[in-house]
Amino acid sequence: SCRCPPGVAQQLVGRWWGRGRSIGRRAHVFWRQVPAMLLVGCVLITLGNAPISLVDLEPFDAWVLGVGGVAATVIAVVGLLAACRWPLAYCRYGCPTGALLEFLRRHSRSGGVTLADGVLLSILGWAAWQTWG
């Protein structure tokens, strides 16, 4: 079950109007990679000091009236429309925040620091140094 506003809204929309169709296997394999690619893009944008406010693209703010910008609201609405056809479409095929949380959840049981953990910590450390150092 989802614990974020976009996920809960998609579950409700899917329950009320959803058709519960699945996308084809090849499409699923492709679209399943999109959140990770978006996450990598977000990291690169942050590291490159690009003048893009990534928080404006996060649909969490769309659920607070008067706070969410146009981009966040459009992403939230598109996610809801997609959820009418494919259950939790945005969560599964578009959410970079969910990709990060899934990565952390999947690797948190390893009991030790892995090479991937070291790379991630190095990137985060460098990003923090670039931002605040």
Protein backbone atom coordinates (compact mmCIF):
# COMPACT_ATOMS: atom_id res chain seq x y z
CA SER A 1 0.00 0.00 0.00
CA CYS A 2 1.17 3.54 -0.75
CA ARG A 3 2.07 6.13 1.84
CA CYS A 4 2.56 9.21 -0.32
CA PRO A 5 -0.23 11.51 -1.57
CA PRO A 6 0.25 10.74 -5.30
CA GLY A 7 0.28 6.98 -4.61
CA VAL A 8 -2.83 7.05 -2.43
CA ALA A 9 -4.65 9.21 -4.99
CA GLN A 10 -3.69 6.77 -7.76
CA GLN A 11 -4.99 3.86 -5.69
CA LEU A 12 -8.31 5.64 -5.16
CA VAL A 13 -8.63 6.60 -8.82
CA GLY A 14 -7.74 3.07 -9.85
CA ARG A 15 -10.32 1.64 -7.48
CA TRP A 16 -13.06 4.00 -8.68
CA TRP A 17 -12.37 4.29 -12.40
CA GLY A 18 -9.55 1.91 -13.11
CA ARG A 19 -9.60 -0.81 -15.69
CA GLY A 20 -6.65 -2.64 -14.17
CA ARG A 21 -4.97 -3.38 -17.48
CA SER A 22 -1.37 -4.35 -17.65
CA ILE A 23 1.06 -3.07 -20.19
CA GLY A 24 2.97 -5.52 -22.34
CA ARG A 25 6.06 -7.23 -20.98
CA ARG A 26 8.47 -5.33 -23.25
CA ALA A 27 6.85 -2.01 -22.40
CA HIS A 28 6.95 -2.88 -18.69
CA VAL A 29 10.68 -3.66 -18.86
CA PHE A 30 11.33 -0.33 -20.61
CA TRP A 31 9.09 1.84 -18.43
CA ARG A 32 10.34 0.21 -15.24
CA GLN A 33 13.77 1.78 -15.96
CA VAL A 34 12.41 5.32 -16.33
CA PRO A 35 12.32 6.23 -12.59
CA ALA A 36 15.96 5.20 -12.17
CA MET A 37 16.94 7.18 -15.26
CA LEU A 38 15.06 10.20 -13.91
CA LEU A 39 16.84 9.80 -10.57
CA VAL A 40 20.22 9.74 -12.31
CA GLY A 41 19.15 12.82 -14.28
CA CYS A 42 18.21 14.59 -11.05
CA VAL A 43 21.61 13.80 -9.54
CA LEU A 44 23.40 15.04 -12.66
CA ILE A 45 21.33 18.24 -12.71
CA THR A 46 22.17 18.82 -9.07
CA LEU A 47 25.86 18.10 -9.53
CA GLY A 48 26.03 20.30 -12.60
CA ASN A 49 24.47 23.27 -10.77
CA ALA A 50 21.88 23.58 -13.53
CA PRO A 51 19.38 26.40 -12.93
CA ILE A 52 16.47 23.96 -12.63
CA SER A 53 14.42 23.68 -9.47
CA LEU A 54 13.75 19.96 -9.16
CA VAL A 55 11.38 20.47 -6.26
CA ASP A 56 9.01 22.18 -8.71
CA LEU A 57 8.73 18.88 -10.59
CA GLU A 58 7.79 16.77 -7.57
CA PRO A 59 4.02 16.11 -7.53
CA PHE A 60 3.82 15.95 -3.73
CA ASP A 61 3.17 19.70 -3.63
CA ALA A 62 0.25 19.40 -6.04
CA TRP A 63 -1.85 18.02 -3.18
CA VAL A 64 -1.53 21.19 -1.08
CA LEU A 65 -3.77 23.90 -2.50
CA GLY A 66 -1.86 27.01 -3.47
CA VAL A 67 1.56 25.40 -3.03
CA GLY A 68 2.03 23.18 -6.07
CA GLY A 69 3.26 24.80 -9.24
CA VAL A 70 2.00 24.16 -12.74
CA ALA A 71 4.58 21.46 -13.52
CA ALA A 72 3.88 19.54 -10.30
CA THR A 73 0.14 19.75 -10.89
CA VAL A 74 0.45 18.56 -14.50
CA ILE A 75 2.61 15.61 -13.42
CA ALA A 76 0.09 14.72 -10.69
CA VAL A 77 -2.89 14.93 -13.08
CA VAL A 78 -1.12 12.87 -15.77
CA GLY A 79 -0.29 10.30 -13.10
CA LEU A 80 -3.95 10.13 -12.07
CA LEU A 81 -5.12 9.77 -15.65
CA ALA A 82 -2.60 7.00 -16.28
CA ALA A 83 -3.74 5.27 -13.07
CA CYS A 84 -7.21 4.98 -14.60
CA ARG A 85 -5.73 2.51 -17.07
CA TRP A 86 -2.61 1.11 -15.37
CA PRO A 87 -2.59 0.68 -11.58
CA LEU A 88 -0.11 2.99 -9.84
CA ALA A 89 1.32 4.07 -13.19
CA TYR A 90 3.29 7.06 -11.87
CA CYS A 91 4.62 5.14 -8.87
CA ARG A 92 5.81 2.28 -11.03
CA TYR A 93 6.93 4.08 -14.16
CA GLY A 94 7.74 7.68 -13.32
CA CYS A 95 8.63 8.43 -9.69
CA PRO A 96 12.34 9.12 -9.10
CA THR A 97 11.77 9.55 -5.37
CA GLY A 98 10.23 6.10 -5.26
CA ALA A 99 13.21 4.74 -7.21
CA LEU A 100 15.56 6.12 -4.56
CA LEU A 101 13.47 4.71 -1.73
CA GLU A 102 13.22 1.35 -3.50
CA PHE A 103 16.99 1.26 -3.93
CA LEU A 104 17.51 1.99 -0.24
CA ARG A 105 14.88 -0.55 0.81
CA ARG A 106 16.22 -3.26 -1.45
CA HIS A 107 19.80 -2.83 -0.26
CA SER A 108 19.17 -2.07 3.41
CA ARG A 109 19.14 -5.75 4.33
CA SER A 110 22.68 -6.40 3.16
CA GLY A 111 24.04 -5.92 6.68
CA GLY A 112 27.14 -4.16 5.44
CA VAL A 113 28.42 -1.44 3.20
CA THR A 114 28.56 -2.51 -0.43
CA LEU A 115 30.36 -0.93 -3.36
CA ALA A 116 27.05 0.58 -4.54
CA ASP A 117 26.57 2.13 -1.08
CA GLY A 118 30.06 3.62 -1.28
CA VAL A 119 29.46 5.06 -4.73
CA LEU A 120 26.14 6.54 -3.63
CA LEU A 121 27.63 8.05 -0.48
CA SER A 122 30.52 9.47 -2.51
CA ILE A 123 28.16 11.10 -4.98
CA LEU A 124 25.98 12.51 -2.20
CA GLY A 125 29.04 13.78 -0.34
CA TRP A 126 30.40 15.45 -3.46
CA ALA A 127 27.00 16.98 -4.17
CA ALA A 128 26.80 18.33 -0.61
CA TRP A 129 30.33 19.73 -0.88
CA GLN A 130 29.47 21.40 -4.22
CA THR A 131 26.30 22.86 -2.76
CA TRP A 132 27.45 24.02 0.65
CA GLY A 133 31.26 23.85 0.51
